[in-house]
N, C-alpha and C. Protein backbone atom coordinates (compact mmCIF):
# COMPACT_ATOMS: atom_id res chain seq x y z
N UNK A 1 -139.01 -13.34 161.56
CA UNK A 1 -139.90 -13.90 162.57
C UNK A 1 -141.30 -13.98 161.98
N UNK A 2 -141.88 -15.13 161.81
CA UNK A 2 -143.24 -15.24 161.28
C UNK A 2 -144.24 -14.56 162.20
N UNK A 3 -145.33 -14.07 161.61
CA UNK A 3 -146.34 -13.32 162.36
C UNK A 3 -146.82 -14.06 163.60
N UNK A 4 -147.05 -15.36 163.53
CA UNK A 4 -147.63 -16.09 164.66
C UNK A 4 -146.67 -16.25 165.83
N UNK A 5 -145.41 -15.93 165.65
CA UNK A 5 -144.47 -16.08 166.77
C UNK A 5 -144.17 -14.76 167.46
N UNK A 6 -144.85 -13.67 167.06
CA UNK A 6 -144.62 -12.40 167.74
C UNK A 6 -144.98 -12.54 169.21
N UNK A 7 -144.25 -11.86 170.04
CA UNK A 7 -144.56 -11.94 171.47
C UNK A 7 -145.86 -11.21 171.78
N UNK A 8 -146.40 -11.53 172.92
CA UNK A 8 -147.52 -10.75 173.44
C UNK A 8 -146.90 -9.59 174.18
N UNK A 9 -147.41 -8.41 173.91
CA UNK A 9 -146.90 -7.21 174.58
C UNK A 9 -147.72 -6.98 175.83
N UNK A 10 -147.03 -6.64 176.89
CA UNK A 10 -147.70 -6.36 178.16
C UNK A 10 -147.12 -5.09 178.75
N UNK A 11 -147.97 -4.36 179.46
CA UNK A 11 -147.49 -3.17 180.14
C UNK A 11 -146.58 -3.57 181.29
N UNK A 12 -145.52 -2.82 181.45
CA UNK A 12 -144.55 -3.05 182.52
C UNK A 12 -144.94 -2.15 183.68
N UNK A 13 -145.34 -2.76 184.77
CA UNK A 13 -145.75 -2.00 185.95
C UNK A 13 -144.66 -2.13 186.99
N UNK A 14 -143.93 -1.06 187.21
CA UNK A 14 -142.82 -1.10 188.15
C UNK A 14 -141.53 -1.52 187.48
N UNK A 15 -140.54 -1.76 188.30
CA UNK A 15 -139.22 -2.11 187.79
C UNK A 15 -139.17 -3.57 187.37
N UNK A 16 -138.50 -3.83 186.25
CA UNK A 16 -138.33 -5.18 185.71
C UNK A 16 -136.90 -5.26 185.19
N UNK A 17 -136.08 -6.12 185.78
CA UNK A 17 -134.65 -6.17 185.44
C UNK A 17 -134.42 -6.48 183.97
N UNK A 18 -135.20 -7.37 183.39
CA UNK A 18 -135.01 -7.73 181.98
C UNK A 18 -135.37 -6.57 181.06
N UNK A 19 -136.44 -5.86 181.39
CA UNK A 19 -136.83 -4.69 180.61
C UNK A 19 -135.76 -3.61 180.76
N UNK A 20 -135.30 -3.40 181.99
CA UNK A 20 -134.27 -2.39 182.23
C UNK A 20 -132.99 -2.71 181.47
N UNK A 21 -132.66 -3.99 181.33
CA UNK A 21 -131.45 -4.37 180.60
C UNK A 21 -131.57 -4.01 179.12
N UNK A 22 -132.72 -4.30 178.50
CA UNK A 22 -132.90 -3.93 177.10
C UNK A 22 -132.97 -2.41 176.96
N UNK A 23 -133.57 -1.74 177.93
CA UNK A 23 -133.62 -0.28 177.91
C UNK A 23 -132.21 0.30 178.00
N UNK A 24 -131.35 -0.29 178.83
CA UNK A 24 -129.97 0.19 178.92
C UNK A 24 -129.24 0.01 177.60
N UNK A 25 -129.49 -1.10 176.91
CA UNK A 25 -128.89 -1.31 175.59
C UNK A 25 -129.39 -0.25 174.62
N UNK A 26 -130.67 0.08 174.69
CA UNK A 26 -131.25 1.12 173.84
C UNK A 26 -130.60 2.47 174.12
N UNK A 27 -130.49 2.82 175.39
CA UNK A 27 -129.88 4.10 175.77
C UNK A 27 -128.44 4.17 175.25
N UNK A 28 -127.68 3.11 175.43
CA UNK A 28 -126.28 3.09 174.97
C UNK A 28 -126.21 3.25 173.45
N UNK A 29 -127.10 2.57 172.73
CA UNK A 29 -127.11 2.68 171.27
C UNK A 29 -127.43 4.11 170.83
N UNK A 30 -128.45 4.70 171.44
CA UNK A 30 -128.83 6.06 171.07
C UNK A 30 -127.71 7.05 171.38
N UNK A 31 -127.07 6.87 172.53
CA UNK A 31 -125.97 7.77 172.90
C UNK A 31 -124.77 7.60 171.98
N UNK A 32 -124.61 6.43 171.39
CA UNK A 32 -123.49 6.20 170.47
C UNK A 32 -123.78 6.77 169.08
N UNK A 33 -125.05 7.07 168.78
CA UNK A 33 -125.43 7.51 167.45
C UNK A 33 -125.75 8.99 167.34
N UNK A 34 -125.83 9.68 168.47
CA UNK A 34 -126.17 11.10 168.45
C UNK A 34 -125.34 11.84 169.48
N UNK A 35 -124.93 13.08 169.17
CA UNK A 35 -124.23 13.86 170.19
C UNK A 35 -125.18 14.19 171.34
N UNK A 36 -124.64 14.42 172.50
CA UNK A 36 -125.44 14.62 173.72
C UNK A 36 -126.53 15.67 173.53
N UNK A 37 -126.22 16.78 172.87
CA UNK A 37 -127.20 17.86 172.73
C UNK A 37 -128.35 17.49 171.79
N UNK A 38 -128.21 16.42 171.04
CA UNK A 38 -129.26 15.97 170.11
C UNK A 38 -129.82 14.61 170.48
N UNK A 39 -129.43 14.09 171.64
CA UNK A 39 -129.87 12.76 172.08
C UNK A 39 -130.96 12.94 173.13
N UNK A 40 -132.17 12.52 172.81
CA UNK A 40 -133.32 12.73 173.69
C UNK A 40 -133.83 11.44 174.31
N UNK A 41 -133.00 10.43 174.36
CA UNK A 41 -133.37 9.14 174.93
C UNK A 41 -133.61 9.29 176.43
N UNK A 42 -134.53 8.49 176.95
CA UNK A 42 -134.83 8.49 178.38
C UNK A 42 -134.49 7.13 178.96
N UNK A 43 -133.93 7.13 180.16
CA UNK A 43 -133.65 5.88 180.86
C UNK A 43 -134.97 5.27 181.34
N UNK A 44 -134.91 4.02 181.76
CA UNK A 44 -136.10 3.35 182.28
C UNK A 44 -136.66 4.11 183.47
N UNK A 45 -135.79 4.56 184.36
CA UNK A 45 -136.24 5.30 185.54
C UNK A 45 -136.89 6.63 185.14
N UNK A 46 -136.28 7.32 184.18
CA UNK A 46 -136.86 8.59 183.72
C UNK A 46 -138.23 8.37 183.09
N UNK A 47 -138.38 7.30 182.34
CA UNK A 47 -139.69 6.99 181.76
C UNK A 47 -140.72 6.73 182.86
N UNK A 48 -140.33 5.93 183.85
CA UNK A 48 -141.26 5.61 184.94
C UNK A 48 -141.71 6.88 185.66
N UNK A 49 -140.77 7.78 185.96
CA UNK A 49 -141.12 8.98 186.72
C UNK A 49 -141.84 10.03 185.88
N UNK A 50 -141.79 9.90 184.55
CA UNK A 50 -142.46 10.86 183.67
C UNK A 50 -143.95 10.56 183.49
N UNK A 51 -144.38 9.41 183.99
CA UNK A 51 -145.77 9.01 183.78
C UNK A 51 -145.98 8.22 182.50
N UNK A 52 -144.89 7.88 181.82
CA UNK A 52 -144.99 7.10 180.58
C UNK A 52 -145.53 5.71 180.88
N UNK A 53 -146.23 5.15 179.92
CA UNK A 53 -146.64 3.74 179.98
C UNK A 53 -145.64 2.97 179.14
N UNK A 54 -144.99 2.00 179.76
CA UNK A 54 -143.94 1.21 179.12
C UNK A 54 -144.49 -0.18 178.83
N UNK A 55 -144.18 -0.70 177.64
CA UNK A 55 -144.63 -2.02 177.23
C UNK A 55 -143.44 -2.85 176.80
N UNK A 56 -143.53 -4.15 177.03
CA UNK A 56 -142.46 -5.07 176.63
C UNK A 56 -143.08 -6.29 175.97
N UNK A 57 -142.34 -6.82 175.00
CA UNK A 57 -142.71 -8.07 174.36
C UNK A 57 -141.67 -9.11 174.71
N UNK A 58 -142.13 -10.30 175.08
CA UNK A 58 -141.24 -11.40 175.44
C UNK A 58 -141.44 -12.54 174.45
N UNK A 59 -140.35 -13.24 174.14
CA UNK A 59 -140.46 -14.40 173.26
C UNK A 59 -140.95 -15.61 174.06
N UNK A 60 -141.03 -16.75 173.42
CA UNK A 60 -141.54 -17.96 174.06
C UNK A 60 -140.76 -18.40 175.28
N UNK A 61 -139.50 -18.03 175.35
CA UNK A 61 -138.69 -18.41 176.51
C UNK A 61 -138.74 -17.37 177.62
N UNK A 62 -139.49 -16.29 177.40
CA UNK A 62 -139.61 -15.25 178.42
C UNK A 62 -138.61 -14.12 178.27
N UNK A 63 -137.75 -14.19 177.27
CA UNK A 63 -136.74 -13.15 177.05
C UNK A 63 -137.42 -11.90 176.48
N UNK A 64 -137.08 -10.74 177.02
CA UNK A 64 -137.60 -9.48 176.52
C UNK A 64 -136.95 -9.19 175.17
N UNK A 65 -137.77 -9.05 174.13
CA UNK A 65 -137.24 -8.84 172.77
C UNK A 65 -137.62 -7.48 172.19
N UNK A 66 -138.53 -6.76 172.84
CA UNK A 66 -138.94 -5.45 172.34
C UNK A 66 -139.48 -4.61 173.49
N UNK A 67 -139.23 -3.32 173.39
CA UNK A 67 -139.76 -2.37 174.37
C UNK A 67 -140.24 -1.12 173.65
N UNK A 68 -141.15 -0.43 174.27
CA UNK A 68 -141.62 0.84 173.74
C UNK A 68 -142.50 1.51 174.78
N UNK A 69 -142.70 2.80 174.62
CA UNK A 69 -143.47 3.55 175.61
C UNK A 69 -144.18 4.71 174.93
N UNK A 70 -145.17 5.25 175.64
CA UNK A 70 -145.70 6.55 175.25
C UNK A 70 -145.88 7.38 176.51
N UNK A 71 -145.48 8.64 176.38
CA UNK A 71 -145.45 9.59 177.49
C UNK A 71 -146.51 10.65 177.24
N UNK A 72 -147.36 10.92 178.24
CA UNK A 72 -148.43 11.89 178.02
C UNK A 72 -147.91 13.29 177.73
N UNK A 73 -148.59 13.94 176.80
CA UNK A 73 -148.39 15.36 176.50
C UNK A 73 -149.72 16.05 176.82
N UNK A 74 -149.91 17.25 176.36
CA UNK A 74 -151.17 17.96 176.59
C UNK A 74 -152.21 17.60 175.54
N UNK A 75 -153.46 17.91 175.84
CA UNK A 75 -154.55 17.87 174.86
C UNK A 75 -154.74 16.53 174.17
N UNK A 76 -154.71 15.43 174.93
CA UNK A 76 -155.00 14.12 174.35
C UNK A 76 -153.91 13.58 173.45
N UNK A 77 -152.70 14.03 173.67
CA UNK A 77 -151.57 13.58 172.86
C UNK A 77 -150.56 12.85 173.73
N UNK A 78 -149.71 12.07 173.09
CA UNK A 78 -148.62 11.39 173.79
C UNK A 78 -147.44 11.29 172.84
N UNK A 79 -146.26 11.18 173.43
CA UNK A 79 -145.03 11.03 172.66
C UNK A 79 -144.56 9.59 172.72
N UNK A 80 -144.31 8.99 171.56
CA UNK A 80 -143.69 7.67 171.52
C UNK A 80 -142.25 7.80 171.98
N UNK A 81 -141.82 6.88 172.84
CA UNK A 81 -140.46 6.91 173.36
C UNK A 81 -139.89 5.49 173.36
N UNK A 82 -138.60 5.42 173.17
CA UNK A 82 -137.80 4.21 173.43
C UNK A 82 -138.29 2.96 172.71
N UNK A 83 -138.73 3.11 171.46
CA UNK A 83 -139.06 1.90 170.69
C UNK A 83 -137.76 1.21 170.34
N UNK A 84 -137.64 -0.05 170.74
CA UNK A 84 -136.39 -0.78 170.53
C UNK A 84 -136.69 -2.27 170.42
N UNK A 85 -136.12 -2.90 169.42
CA UNK A 85 -136.23 -4.36 169.24
C UNK A 85 -134.84 -4.96 169.35
N UNK A 86 -134.77 -6.16 169.89
CA UNK A 86 -133.49 -6.87 169.98
C UNK A 86 -132.84 -6.91 168.61
N UNK A 87 -131.55 -6.62 168.56
CA UNK A 87 -130.82 -6.50 167.29
C UNK A 87 -130.99 -7.73 166.40
N UNK A 88 -130.96 -8.91 166.98
CA UNK A 88 -131.03 -10.15 166.19
C UNK A 88 -132.39 -10.34 165.53
N UNK A 89 -133.40 -9.61 165.96
CA UNK A 89 -134.76 -9.79 165.44
C UNK A 89 -135.21 -8.64 164.54
N UNK A 90 -134.35 -7.70 164.27
CA UNK A 90 -134.73 -6.56 163.43
C UNK A 90 -134.95 -6.99 161.99
N UNK A 91 -135.84 -6.27 161.32
CA UNK A 91 -136.12 -6.54 159.92
C UNK A 91 -137.12 -7.65 159.70
N UNK A 92 -137.78 -8.09 160.77
CA UNK A 92 -138.72 -9.21 160.67
C UNK A 92 -140.15 -8.82 161.04
N UNK A 93 -140.42 -7.52 161.19
CA UNK A 93 -141.77 -7.08 161.49
C UNK A 93 -142.07 -6.86 162.96
N UNK A 94 -141.11 -7.10 163.82
CA UNK A 94 -141.35 -6.94 165.25
C UNK A 94 -141.58 -5.48 165.60
N UNK A 95 -140.83 -4.56 165.00
CA UNK A 95 -141.03 -3.14 165.26
C UNK A 95 -142.41 -2.68 164.85
N UNK A 96 -142.89 -3.17 163.71
CA UNK A 96 -144.24 -2.82 163.25
C UNK A 96 -145.29 -3.36 164.23
N UNK A 97 -145.10 -4.58 164.70
CA UNK A 97 -146.04 -5.15 165.67
C UNK A 97 -146.03 -4.35 166.97
N UNK A 98 -144.85 -3.92 167.41
CA UNK A 98 -144.74 -3.10 168.61
C UNK A 98 -145.45 -1.77 168.40
N UNK A 99 -145.22 -1.12 167.28
CA UNK A 99 -145.87 0.16 167.00
C UNK A 99 -147.38 -0.01 166.96
N UNK A 100 -147.87 -1.06 166.32
CA UNK A 100 -149.31 -1.31 166.28
C UNK A 100 -149.87 -1.49 167.69
N UNK A 101 -149.13 -2.19 168.54
CA UNK A 101 -149.59 -2.38 169.91
C UNK A 101 -149.64 -1.05 170.67
N UNK A 102 -148.59 -0.25 170.54
CA UNK A 102 -148.56 1.04 171.22
C UNK A 102 -149.70 1.94 170.74
N UNK A 103 -149.97 1.94 169.45
CA UNK A 103 -151.07 2.75 168.91
C UNK A 103 -152.41 2.26 169.47
N UNK A 104 -152.59 0.96 169.54
CA UNK A 104 -153.82 0.39 170.07
C UNK A 104 -154.02 0.78 171.53
N UNK A 105 -152.97 0.68 172.32
CA UNK A 105 -153.04 1.05 173.74
C UNK A 105 -153.32 2.54 173.90
N UNK A 106 -152.68 3.36 173.07
CA UNK A 106 -152.89 4.81 173.15
C UNK A 106 -154.34 5.15 172.81
N UNK A 107 -154.87 4.54 171.78
CA UNK A 107 -156.26 4.77 171.38
C UNK A 107 -157.21 4.33 172.49
N UNK A 108 -156.96 3.16 173.06
CA UNK A 108 -157.80 2.65 174.14
C UNK A 108 -157.73 3.54 175.38
N UNK A 109 -156.65 4.29 175.51
CA UNK A 109 -156.48 5.22 176.64
C UNK A 109 -157.17 6.55 176.39
N UNK A 110 -157.77 6.71 175.22
CA UNK A 110 -158.46 7.94 174.90
C UNK A 110 -157.59 9.00 174.25
N UNK A 111 -156.38 8.64 173.89
CA UNK A 111 -155.50 9.61 173.24
C UNK A 111 -155.96 9.86 171.80
N UNK A 112 -155.65 11.04 171.29
CA UNK A 112 -156.08 11.45 169.95
C UNK A 112 -154.94 11.49 168.95
N UNK A 113 -153.70 11.61 169.44
CA UNK A 113 -152.56 11.70 168.52
C UNK A 113 -151.29 11.23 169.20
N UNK A 114 -150.35 10.78 168.37
CA UNK A 114 -149.02 10.40 168.83
C UNK A 114 -148.00 11.28 168.12
N UNK A 115 -146.95 11.59 168.83
CA UNK A 115 -145.86 12.43 168.34
C UNK A 115 -144.57 11.69 168.61
N UNK A 116 -143.53 11.99 167.85
CA UNK A 116 -142.24 11.37 168.13
C UNK A 116 -141.11 12.22 167.59
N UNK A 117 -139.94 11.98 168.15
CA UNK A 117 -138.68 12.55 167.67
C UNK A 117 -137.77 11.38 167.38
N UNK A 118 -137.14 11.39 166.23
CA UNK A 118 -136.16 10.37 165.88
C UNK A 118 -135.00 11.06 165.18
N UNK A 119 -133.97 10.32 164.91
CA UNK A 119 -132.79 10.91 164.29
C UNK A 119 -132.92 11.09 162.79
N UNK A 120 -132.13 12.02 162.26
CA UNK A 120 -132.11 12.26 160.82
C UNK A 120 -130.98 11.51 160.12
N UNK A 121 -130.07 10.93 160.88
CA UNK A 121 -128.92 10.23 160.29
C UNK A 121 -129.37 8.95 159.59
N UNK A 122 -128.56 8.47 158.65
CA UNK A 122 -128.91 7.23 157.93
C UNK A 122 -129.21 6.04 158.85
N UNK A 123 -128.56 5.95 160.00
CA UNK A 123 -128.80 4.81 160.89
C UNK A 123 -130.22 4.79 161.44
N UNK A 124 -130.95 5.90 161.33
CA UNK A 124 -132.35 5.96 161.77
C UNK A 124 -133.32 5.79 160.60
N UNK A 125 -132.80 5.49 159.42
CA UNK A 125 -133.63 5.39 158.23
C UNK A 125 -134.73 4.35 158.32
N UNK A 126 -134.42 3.19 158.87
CA UNK A 126 -135.44 2.14 158.98
C UNK A 126 -136.57 2.58 159.91
N UNK A 127 -136.23 3.26 160.99
CA UNK A 127 -137.25 3.75 161.91
C UNK A 127 -138.14 4.77 161.22
N UNK A 128 -137.53 5.73 160.53
CA UNK A 128 -138.32 6.74 159.83
C UNK A 128 -139.22 6.09 158.78
N UNK A 129 -138.71 5.13 158.05
CA UNK A 129 -139.51 4.43 157.03
C UNK A 129 -140.69 3.71 157.67
N UNK A 130 -140.47 3.08 158.80
CA UNK A 130 -141.56 2.40 159.51
C UNK A 130 -142.64 3.41 159.88
N UNK A 131 -142.26 4.51 160.51
CA UNK A 131 -143.24 5.49 160.94
C UNK A 131 -144.02 6.06 159.75
N UNK A 132 -143.31 6.40 158.68
CA UNK A 132 -143.99 6.93 157.49
C UNK A 132 -144.96 5.91 156.91
N UNK A 133 -144.57 4.64 156.88
CA UNK A 133 -145.44 3.60 156.32
C UNK A 133 -146.67 3.35 157.18
N UNK A 134 -146.61 3.78 158.43
CA UNK A 134 -147.74 3.60 159.35
C UNK A 134 -148.55 4.88 159.54
N UNK A 135 -148.38 5.84 158.63
CA UNK A 135 -149.23 7.02 158.63
C UNK A 135 -148.70 8.23 159.38
N UNK A 136 -147.50 8.16 159.91
CA UNK A 136 -146.92 9.34 160.54
C UNK A 136 -146.47 10.30 159.45
N UNK A 137 -146.54 11.59 159.76
CA UNK A 137 -146.07 12.63 158.84
C UNK A 137 -145.08 13.52 159.58
N UNK A 138 -144.14 14.05 158.84
CA UNK A 138 -143.18 14.96 159.45
C UNK A 138 -143.89 16.23 159.89
N UNK A 139 -143.39 16.82 160.98
CA UNK A 139 -144.00 18.02 161.54
C UNK A 139 -142.91 18.90 162.16
N UNK A 140 -143.32 20.03 162.67
CA UNK A 140 -142.41 20.93 163.37
C UNK A 140 -142.10 20.35 164.75
N UNK A 141 -141.04 20.84 165.40
CA UNK A 141 -140.76 20.40 166.77
C UNK A 141 -141.97 20.65 167.67
N UNK A 142 -142.14 19.82 168.66
CA UNK A 142 -143.28 19.92 169.57
C UNK A 142 -142.77 19.90 171.01
N UNK A 143 -143.66 20.21 171.94
CA UNK A 143 -143.29 20.17 173.35
C UNK A 143 -142.07 21.04 173.64
N UNK A 144 -141.10 20.46 174.33
CA UNK A 144 -139.89 21.19 174.70
C UNK A 144 -138.78 21.08 173.67
N UNK A 145 -139.04 20.43 172.55
CA UNK A 145 -138.01 20.26 171.53
C UNK A 145 -137.78 21.57 170.77
N UNK A 146 -136.56 21.73 170.29
CA UNK A 146 -136.20 22.84 169.41
C UNK A 146 -135.77 22.25 168.07
N UNK A 147 -135.84 23.05 167.04
CA UNK A 147 -135.38 22.60 165.72
C UNK A 147 -133.93 22.14 165.84
N UNK A 148 -133.63 21.02 165.20
CA UNK A 148 -132.30 20.42 165.27
C UNK A 148 -132.08 19.65 163.97
N UNK A 149 -131.01 19.93 163.24
CA UNK A 149 -130.80 19.21 161.98
C UNK A 149 -130.59 17.70 162.17
N UNK A 150 -130.32 17.27 163.40
CA UNK A 150 -130.13 15.85 163.67
C UNK A 150 -131.41 15.16 164.13
N UNK A 151 -132.52 15.90 164.16
CA UNK A 151 -133.80 15.34 164.59
C UNK A 151 -134.84 15.46 163.49
N UNK A 152 -135.74 14.48 163.46
CA UNK A 152 -136.93 14.49 162.62
C UNK A 152 -138.11 14.33 163.57
N UNK A 153 -139.12 15.17 163.41
CA UNK A 153 -140.30 15.13 164.25
C UNK A 153 -141.46 14.63 163.41
N UNK A 154 -142.31 13.80 164.01
CA UNK A 154 -143.43 13.21 163.29
C UNK A 154 -144.65 13.16 164.20
N UNK A 155 -145.82 13.07 163.56
CA UNK A 155 -147.06 12.94 164.30
C UNK A 155 -148.04 12.09 163.49
N UNK A 156 -148.99 11.51 164.20
CA UNK A 156 -150.08 10.75 163.56
C UNK A 156 -151.33 10.88 164.42
N UNK A 157 -152.45 11.05 163.76
CA UNK A 157 -153.74 11.04 164.46
C UNK A 157 -154.13 9.59 164.71
N UNK A 158 -154.82 9.37 165.81
CA UNK A 158 -155.29 8.01 166.13
C UNK A 158 -156.74 7.85 165.72
């Protein structure tokens, strides 16, 4: 996907059926790739009730092609959650554009750092590479997380 065709990302305020559909696909994918005790994915409803800010990108036809969120933590921090791009558009820079948008929104909100948990399995390799290339560093578990060989924890200052 060329840079000029990236969707505009907008905050999702309230329930949105198209966003919820892509979120359901994300939840199903995460549940298929990690055992329940190591799967920390949140449903759209759980994100909404947690106080997370959810963002979606739509293509020119209005189809939701990317979603992502950040959930407040303590002390000016937030956790990145549910970053997901439509399968057909992966590998074209859409995930990087989504991450840049989420970082920009977090910074504009006065946040000082972002944290995340992702998988350690090979299927999460592209995600880990993206985060590392954007300045995230591996860290110890944070918040309510416990050490888990199937999880990788990362953080970045804003």
